[in-house]
Amino acid sequence: MKQLLHLVFGGELVDPRGREFKDVDAIDIVGLYPNYASAYNAWKAKAQATVDDAHTRYFLAHIHRLDDEEFAEGPDAEDK
């Protein structure tokens, strides 16, 4: 059975409408989770704890999709 790993991370953004972190070294790595439900719960807790700070945002990334051929576009695909 394939593991469906998820990463929850966040921090202060340059612009609350964007996704660029103000300080990459200060990104809060909440954790790596074995399923969506546990990752969602961790994301929701962090998001709710920082709801009053418009510049802080948390993300839930589907790590298992990084090696999925259906989603693969090759190295540096977004830079092209």
C-alpha atoms as a PDB file:
ATOM      1  CA  MET A   1       0.000   0.000   0.000  1.00  0.00           C
ATOM      2  CA  LYS A   2       1.319   3.417  -0.979  1.00  0.00           C
ATOM      3  CA  GLN A   3       1.948   5.932   1.808  1.00  0.00           C
ATOM      4  CA  LEU A   4       0.219   9.265   1.277  1.00  0.00           C
ATOM      5  CA  LEU A   5       2.562  11.646   3.104  1.00  0.00           C
ATOM      6  CA  HIS A   6       1.534  15.243   3.795  1.00  0.00           C
ATOM      7  CA  LEU A   7       3.613  18.192   5.019  1.00  0.00           C
ATOM      8  CA  VAL A   8       2.184  21.070   7.054  1.00  0.00           C
ATOM      9  CA  PHE A   9       4.232  24.271   7.123  1.00  0.00           C
ATOM     10  CA  GLY A  10       3.768  28.008   7.258  1.00  0.00           C
ATOM     11  CA  GLY A  11       5.025  31.373   8.306  1.00  0.00           C
ATOM     12  CA  GLU A  12       4.909  35.076   7.644  1.00  0.00           C
ATOM     13  CA  LEU A  13       4.252  36.096   4.050  1.00  0.00           C
ATOM     14  CA  VAL A  14       5.460  39.202   2.223  1.00  0.00           C
ATOM     15  CA  ASP A  15       1.900  39.832   1.016  1.00  0.00           C
ATOM     16  CA  PRO A  16      -1.115  38.043   2.538  1.00  0.00           C
ATOM     17  CA  ARG A  17      -2.534  37.520  -0.973  1.00  0.00           C
ATOM     18  CA  GLY A  18       0.594  35.697  -2.150  1.00  0.00           C
ATOM     19  CA  ARG A  19       2.730  32.708  -1.257  1.00  0.00           C
ATOM     20  CA  GLU A  20       6.173  34.277  -0.860  1.00  0.00           C
ATOM     21  CA  PHE A  21       7.610  33.890   2.626  1.00  0.00           C
ATOM     22  CA  LYS A  22       9.157  36.947   4.259  1.00  0.00           C
ATOM     23  CA  ASP A  23      11.982  34.872   5.795  1.00  0.00           C
ATOM     24  CA  VAL A  24      12.498  31.351   4.460  1.00  0.00           C
ATOM     25  CA  ASP A  25      14.748  30.511   7.423  1.00  0.00           C
ATOM     26  CA  ALA A  26      11.823  31.211   9.774  1.00  0.00           C
ATOM     27  CA  ILE A  27       9.326  28.840   8.108  1.00  0.00           C
ATOM     28  CA  ASP A  28       7.505  26.798  10.736  1.00  0.00           C
ATOM     29  CA  ILE A  29       7.663  23.126   9.763  1.00  0.00           C
ATOM     30  CA  VAL A  30       4.706  21.744  11.708  1.00  0.00           C
ATOM     31  CA  GLY A  31       5.251  18.157  10.652  1.00  0.00           C
ATOM     32  CA  LEU A  32       4.994  15.301   8.208  1.00  0.00           C
ATOM     33  CA  TYR A  33       1.825  13.213   8.458  1.00  0.00           C
ATOM     34  CA  PRO A  34       0.907   9.749   7.156  1.00  0.00           C
ATOM     35  CA  ASN A  35      -2.570  10.704   5.949  1.00  0.00           C
ATOM     36  CA  TYR A  36      -4.666  13.693   4.937  1.00  0.00           C
ATOM     37  CA  ALA A  37      -6.912  13.648   8.008  1.00  0.00           C
ATOM     38  CA  SER A  38      -4.097  14.037  10.528  1.00  0.00           C
ATOM     39  CA  ALA A  39      -2.369  16.653   8.353  1.00  0.00           C
ATOM     40  CA  TYR A  40      -5.620  18.588   7.997  1.00  0.00           C
ATOM     41  CA  ASN A  41      -6.108  18.612  11.768  1.00  0.00           C
ATOM     42  CA  ALA A  42      -2.569  19.943  12.302  1.00  0.00           C
ATOM     43  CA  TRP A  43      -3.033  22.573   9.567  1.00  0.00           C
ATOM     44  CA  LYS A  44      -6.387  23.677  10.976  1.00  0.00           C
ATOM     45  CA  ALA A  45      -4.991  24.054  14.509  1.00  0.00           C
ATOM     46  CA  LYS A  46      -2.085  26.219  13.285  1.00  0.00           C
ATOM     47  CA  ALA A  47      -4.300  28.253  10.945  1.00  0.00           C
ATOM     48  CA  GLN A  48      -6.814  28.953  13.709  1.00  0.00           C
ATOM     49  CA  ALA A  49      -4.062  29.851  16.189  1.00  0.00           C
ATOM     50  CA  THR A  50      -2.755  32.518  13.792  1.00  0.00           C
ATOM     51  CA  VAL A  51      -6.076  33.789  12.449  1.00  0.00           C
ATOM     52  CA  ASP A  52      -5.483  37.297  13.845  1.00  0.00           C
ATOM     53  CA  ASP A  53      -2.195  37.683  11.936  1.00  0.00           C
ATOM     54  CA  ALA A  54      -3.111  38.350   8.298  1.00  0.00           C
ATOM     55  CA  HIS A  55       0.488  37.877   7.121  1.00  0.00           C
ATOM     56  CA  THR A  56       0.855  34.388   8.606  1.00  0.00           C
ATOM     57  CA  ARG A  57      -0.425  31.482   6.578  1.00  0.00           C
ATOM     58  CA  TYR A  58      -0.130  27.709   6.797  1.00  0.00           C
ATOM     59  CA  PHE A  59      -0.118  25.219   3.942  1.00  0.00           C
ATOM     60  CA  LEU A  60      -0.806  21.511   3.551  1.00  0.00           C
ATOM     61  CA  ALA A  61       1.345  19.929   0.837  1.00  0.00           C
ATOM     62  CA  HIS A  62       0.732  16.508  -0.701  1.00  0.00           C
ATOM     63  CA  ILE A  63       4.284  15.125  -0.573  1.00  0.00           C
ATOM     64  CA  HIS A  64       3.198  11.812  -2.085  1.00  0.00           C
ATOM     65  CA  ARG A  65       2.442  13.630  -5.345  1.00  0.00           C
ATOM     66  CA  LEU A  66       6.062  14.659  -5.858  1.00  0.00           C
ATOM     67  CA  ASP A  67       6.938  11.308  -7.377  1.00  0.00           C
ATOM     68  CA  ASP A  68       3.613  10.711  -9.087  1.00  0.00           C
ATOM     69  CA  GLU A  69       4.168  10.523 -12.833  1.00  0.00           C
ATOM     70  CA  GLU A  70       0.716  11.958 -13.458  1.00  0.00           C
ATOM     71  CA  PHE A  71       1.785  15.221 -11.821  1.00  0.00           C
ATOM     72  CA  ALA A  72       5.478  15.218 -12.748  1.00  0.00           C
ATOM     73  CA  GLU A  73       6.611  17.999 -15.036  1.00  0.00           C
ATOM     74  CA  GLY A  74      10.332  17.545 -14.617  1.00  0.00           C
ATOM     75  CA  PRO A  75      12.948  19.546 -12.728  1.00  0.00           C
ATOM     76  CA  ASP A  76      12.464  23.310 -12.584  1.00  0.00           C
ATOM     77  CA  ALA A  77       9.242  23.114 -14.613  1.00  0.00           C
ATOM     78  CA  GLU A  78       7.847  26.348 -13.215  1.00  0.00           C
ATOM     79  CA  ASP A  79      11.063  28.225 -14.079  1.00  0.00           C
ATOM     80  CA  LYS A  80      10.571  27.595 -17.805  1.00  0.00           C
END
